[in-house]
Amino acid sequence: MELARAVDRHHRGLTVHINKVHSVRTLALVARELGEDAEWLADLASELEPEDGLIWVYDPEHQDGTMGFSEFGIESLRNLIDIHRSTTK
């Protein structure tokens, strides 16, 4: 709250978005947890945007980035799985 007030004093009238994501799971971990193929999930997740909970994670082993998902992102991905499966029956 203090940060929001401090920012507000300097940027009158601006709405400040404070990111509340406290953890992410990589695509590989989500695929394992859901029992799905990681490449297939990556194809599905390519439809997601950051506001859907998709976060790109970079490190020395993944210099081009790897997909990461917030809790909301995992739920968005589950919804895509359900949609895909219901339309391919």
C-alpha atoms as a PDB file:
ATOM      1  CA  MET A   1       0.000   0.000   0.000  1.00  0.00           C
ATOM      2  CA  GLU A   2       2.821   2.407   0.832  1.00  0.00           C
ATOM      3  CA  LEU A   3       4.436   1.795  -2.560  1.00  0.00           C
ATOM      4  CA  ALA A   4       1.169   2.425  -4.382  1.00  0.00           C
ATOM      5  CA  ARG A   5       0.693   5.707  -2.488  1.00  0.00           C
ATOM      6  CA  ALA A   6       4.279   6.774  -3.144  1.00  0.00           C
ATOM      7  CA  VAL A   7       3.933   6.037  -6.851  1.00  0.00           C
ATOM      8  CA  ASP A   8       0.555   7.788  -6.948  1.00  0.00           C
ATOM      9  CA  ARG A   9       2.058  10.973  -5.494  1.00  0.00           C
ATOM     10  CA  HIS A  10       4.531  11.117  -8.386  1.00  0.00           C
ATOM     11  CA  HIS A  11       2.117  10.056 -11.152  1.00  0.00           C
ATOM     12  CA  ARG A  12      -1.148  11.781 -10.414  1.00  0.00           C
ATOM     13  CA  GLY A  13      -4.086  10.211 -12.193  1.00  0.00           C
ATOM     14  CA  LEU A  14      -2.166   7.166 -13.429  1.00  0.00           C
ATOM     15  CA  THR A  15      -3.357   3.703 -12.554  1.00  0.00           C
ATOM     16  CA  VAL A  16      -0.494   1.581 -11.288  1.00  0.00           C
ATOM     17  CA  HIS A  17      -0.529  -2.141 -12.006  1.00  0.00           C
ATOM     18  CA  ILE A  18       1.198  -4.154  -9.315  1.00  0.00           C
ATOM     19  CA  ASN A  19       2.065  -7.667 -10.437  1.00  0.00           C
ATOM     20  CA  LYS A  20       0.866 -10.190  -7.885  1.00  0.00           C
ATOM     21  CA  VAL A  21       2.380 -13.311  -9.475  1.00  0.00           C
ATOM     22  CA  HIS A  22       4.506 -14.928  -6.800  1.00  0.00           C
ATOM     23  CA  SER A  23       5.630 -18.047  -8.674  1.00  0.00           C
ATOM     24  CA  VAL A  24       5.672 -19.645 -12.105  1.00  0.00           C
ATOM     25  CA  ARG A  25       5.995 -23.211 -13.346  1.00  0.00           C
ATOM     26  CA  THR A  26       7.879 -24.066 -16.502  1.00  0.00           C
ATOM     27  CA  LEU A  27       6.233 -25.744 -19.454  1.00  0.00           C
ATOM     28  CA  ALA A  28       8.098 -28.989 -18.715  1.00  0.00           C
ATOM     29  CA  LEU A  29       6.818 -29.062 -15.130  1.00  0.00           C
ATOM     30  CA  VAL A  30       3.228 -28.254 -16.132  1.00  0.00           C
ATOM     31  CA  ALA A  31       3.315 -30.939 -18.830  1.00  0.00           C
ATOM     32  CA  ARG A  32       4.513 -33.488 -16.290  1.00  0.00           C
ATOM     33  CA  GLU A  33       1.895 -32.440 -13.734  1.00  0.00           C
ATOM     34  CA  LEU A  34      -0.912 -32.617 -16.313  1.00  0.00           C
ATOM     35  CA  GLY A  35       0.360 -35.815 -17.907  1.00  0.00           C
ATOM     36  CA  GLU A  36       0.577 -34.149 -21.319  1.00  0.00           C
ATOM     37  CA  ASP A  37       3.205 -33.916 -24.045  1.00  0.00           C
ATOM     38  CA  ALA A  38       5.269 -30.734 -23.623  1.00  0.00           C
ATOM     39  CA  GLU A  39       5.526 -30.036 -27.372  1.00  0.00           C
ATOM     40  CA  TRP A  40       1.750 -30.350 -27.784  1.00  0.00           C
ATOM     41  CA  LEU A  41       1.189 -28.011 -24.821  1.00  0.00           C
ATOM     42  CA  ALA A  42       3.670 -25.518 -26.291  1.00  0.00           C
ATOM     43  CA  ASP A  43       1.651 -25.482 -29.513  1.00  0.00           C
ATOM     44  CA  LEU A  44      -1.559 -24.859 -27.553  1.00  0.00           C
ATOM     45  CA  ALA A  45       0.050 -22.262 -25.318  1.00  0.00           C
ATOM     46  CA  SER A  46       1.241 -20.265 -28.330  1.00  0.00           C
ATOM     47  CA  GLU A  47      -2.337 -18.895 -28.374  1.00  0.00           C
ATOM     48  CA  LEU A  48      -1.890 -17.406 -24.883  1.00  0.00           C
ATOM     49  CA  GLU A  49      -0.771 -13.873 -24.043  1.00  0.00           C
ATOM     50  CA  PRO A  50       0.862 -12.478 -20.885  1.00  0.00           C
ATOM     51  CA  GLU A  51      -2.569 -11.419 -19.601  1.00  0.00           C
ATOM     52  CA  ASP A  52      -3.548 -15.096 -19.839  1.00  0.00           C
ATOM     53  CA  GLY A  53      -0.745 -16.020 -17.441  1.00  0.00           C
ATOM     54  CA  LEU A  54       1.970 -16.971 -19.946  1.00  0.00           C
ATOM     55  CA  ILE A  55       5.405 -15.743 -18.876  1.00  0.00           C
ATOM     56  CA  TRP A  56       8.667 -16.208 -20.755  1.00  0.00           C
ATOM     57  CA  VAL A  57      11.574 -17.281 -18.542  1.00  0.00           C
ATOM     58  CA  TYR A  58      15.206 -16.844 -19.563  1.00  0.00           C
ATOM     59  CA  ASP A  59      18.319 -18.382 -18.044  1.00  0.00           C
ATOM     60  CA  PRO A  60      21.733 -19.585 -19.256  1.00  0.00           C
ATOM     61  CA  GLU A  61      20.270 -22.942 -20.310  1.00  0.00           C
ATOM     62  CA  HIS A  62      17.277 -21.346 -22.084  1.00  0.00           C
ATOM     63  CA  GLN A  63      18.684 -18.239 -23.735  1.00  0.00           C
ATOM     64  CA  ASP A  64      15.793 -18.172 -26.207  1.00  0.00           C
ATOM     65  CA  GLY A  65      13.388 -18.524 -23.292  1.00  0.00           C
ATOM     66  CA  THR A  66      11.065 -21.194 -22.053  1.00  0.00           C
ATOM     67  CA  MET A  67       7.375 -20.863 -21.339  1.00  0.00           C
ATOM     68  CA  GLY A  68       6.334 -20.383 -17.752  1.00  0.00           C
ATOM     69  CA  PHE A  69       2.847 -20.198 -16.326  1.00  0.00           C
ATOM     70  CA  SER A  70       1.323 -18.462 -13.338  1.00  0.00           C
ATOM     71  CA  GLU A  71      -1.511 -20.283 -11.559  1.00  0.00           C
ATOM     72  CA  PHE A  72      -3.902 -18.352 -13.795  1.00  0.00           C
ATOM     73  CA  GLY A  73      -1.816 -19.396 -16.808  1.00  0.00           C
ATOM     74  CA  ILE A  74      -2.129 -23.067 -15.882  1.00  0.00           C
ATOM     75  CA  GLU A  75      -5.895 -22.638 -15.641  1.00  0.00           C
ATOM     76  CA  SER A  76      -5.911 -20.883 -19.032  1.00  0.00           C
ATOM     77  CA  LEU A  77      -3.918 -23.779 -20.479  1.00  0.00           C
ATOM     78  CA  ARG A  78      -6.354 -26.308 -18.996  1.00  0.00           C
ATOM     79  CA  ASN A  79      -9.196 -24.410 -20.654  1.00  0.00           C
ATOM     80  CA  LEU A  80      -7.401 -24.587 -24.006  1.00  0.00           C
ATOM     81  CA  ILE A  81      -6.890 -28.333 -23.544  1.00  0.00           C
ATOM     82  CA  ASP A  82     -10.611 -28.784 -22.876  1.00  0.00           C
ATOM     83  CA  ILE A  83     -11.556 -26.653 -25.894  1.00  0.00           C
ATOM     84  CA  HIS A  84      -9.133 -28.508 -28.157  1.00  0.00           C
ATOM     85  CA  ARG A  85     -10.329 -31.917 -27.035  1.00  0.00           C
ATOM     86  CA  SER A  86     -13.999 -30.996 -27.379  1.00  0.00           C
ATOM     87  CA  THR A  87     -13.522 -29.710 -30.931  1.00  0.00           C
ATOM     88  CA  THR A  88     -11.420 -32.653 -32.143  1.00  0.00           C
ATOM     89  CA  LYS A  89     -13.849 -35.412 -31.152  1.00  0.00           C
END
